[in-house]
């Protein structure tokens, strides 16, 4: 599991440059609503993390983001150095 944005604005979930397997997590801490954008291959892993850290009653929702980037290509940086033959 990879937390892309912690305690962010919910509008960031509309970003098309996010990976396909990312979720907008809505949860509450001390009656204050917070949002995280998380990348994971399974919702169970995300739920377990937030349940263990914030409690089951504090998780409000888990929704897909609008990301369109393949998870393999997200965060990919091409090599800049050239190999000499």
Protein backbone atom coordinates (compact mmCIF):
# COMPACT_ATOMS: atom_id res chain seq x y z
CA UNK A 1 0.00 0.00 0.00
CA UNK A 2 1.25 3.46 -0.94
CA UNK A 3 -0.18 6.68 0.52
CA UNK A 4 0.08 9.21 -2.32
CA UNK A 5 -1.49 12.22 -0.54
CA UNK A 6 -2.16 12.36 3.19
CA UNK A 7 -4.76 14.70 4.71
CA UNK A 8 -5.40 16.42 1.38
CA UNK A 9 -8.25 18.14 -0.42
CA UNK A 10 -10.85 15.80 -1.94
CA UNK A 11 -10.55 17.65 -5.27
CA UNK A 12 -7.13 16.01 -5.81
CA UNK A 13 -8.97 12.75 -6.55
CA UNK A 14 -10.10 14.23 -9.89
CA UNK A 15 -6.50 14.34 -11.13
CA UNK A 16 -6.14 12.17 -14.26
CA UNK A 17 -2.42 11.60 -13.59
CA UNK A 18 -3.14 9.32 -10.61
CA UNK A 19 -2.83 5.53 -11.04
CA UNK A 20 -5.86 3.40 -11.93
CA UNK A 21 -5.67 1.48 -8.65
CA UNK A 22 -5.88 4.53 -6.36
CA UNK A 23 -8.68 5.32 -3.93
CA UNK A 24 -9.94 8.40 -2.12
CA UNK A 25 -10.35 7.42 1.54
CA UNK A 26 -12.69 9.52 3.67
CA UNK A 27 -12.28 9.10 7.43
CA UNK A 28 -12.74 11.12 10.59
CA UNK A 29 -10.33 11.98 13.38
CA UNK A 30 -11.76 13.77 16.43
CA UNK A 31 -14.97 14.54 14.46
CA UNK A 32 -12.96 16.21 11.68
CA UNK A 33 -13.29 14.75 8.16
CA UNK A 34 -9.99 13.97 6.42
CA UNK A 35 -9.09 12.63 2.98
CA UNK A 36 -6.20 10.47 1.80
CA UNK A 37 -5.36 9.22 -1.67
CA UNK A 38 -3.98 5.70 -1.46
CA UNK A 39 -2.68 3.25 -4.06
CA UNK A 40 -3.20 -0.44 -3.43
CA UNK A 41 -4.05 -3.58 -5.32
CA UNK A 42 -6.76 -4.57 -2.82
CA UNK A 43 -9.40 -2.70 -0.84
CA UNK A 44 -8.96 -5.18 2.02
CA UNK A 45 -5.40 -4.00 2.60
CA UNK A 46 -6.57 -0.37 2.73
CA UNK A 47 -9.48 -1.16 5.02
CA UNK A 48 -7.24 -3.12 7.40
CA UNK A 49 -4.73 -0.25 7.60
CA UNK A 50 -7.36 2.41 8.36
CA UNK A 51 -9.31 0.13 10.68
CA UNK A 52 -6.18 -0.61 12.73
CA UNK A 53 -5.03 3.03 12.87
CA UNK A 54 -8.30 4.98 13.12
CA UNK A 55 -10.98 2.49 14.14
CA UNK A 56 -13.73 0.91 12.08
CA UNK A 57 -16.39 3.50 12.90
CA UNK A 58 -14.20 6.35 11.63
CA UNK A 59 -13.93 5.08 8.04
CA UNK A 60 -16.55 6.93 5.97
CA UNK A 61 -15.93 5.79 2.39
CA UNK A 62 -13.48 4.35 -0.14
CA UNK A 63 -14.00 5.58 -3.70
CA UNK A 64 -12.04 5.24 -6.93
CA UNK A 65 -10.11 8.30 -8.05
CA UNK A 66 -10.26 9.57 -11.64
CA UNK A 67 -6.72 8.34 -12.35
CA UNK A 68 -5.95 6.95 -15.79
CA UNK A 69 -2.26 6.00 -15.52
CA UNK A 70 -1.24 2.35 -15.49
CA UNK A 71 0.02 1.33 -12.02
CA UNK A 72 3.23 0.05 -13.62
CA UNK A 73 3.90 3.42 -15.24
CA UNK A 74 2.95 5.62 -12.27
CA UNK A 75 6.05 7.27 -10.89
CA UNK A 76 8.21 5.94 -13.74
CA UNK A 77 11.20 8.09 -14.59
CA UNK A 78 13.11 7.31 -17.79
CA UNK A 79 16.84 6.83 -17.61
CA UNK A 80 18.82 9.94 -18.38
CA UNK A 81 22.28 8.44 -18.67
CA UNK A 82 23.35 6.78 -21.92
CA UNK A 83 25.21 3.50 -21.91
CA UNK A 84 28.39 3.43 -23.95
CA UNK A 85 29.03 0.44 -26.12
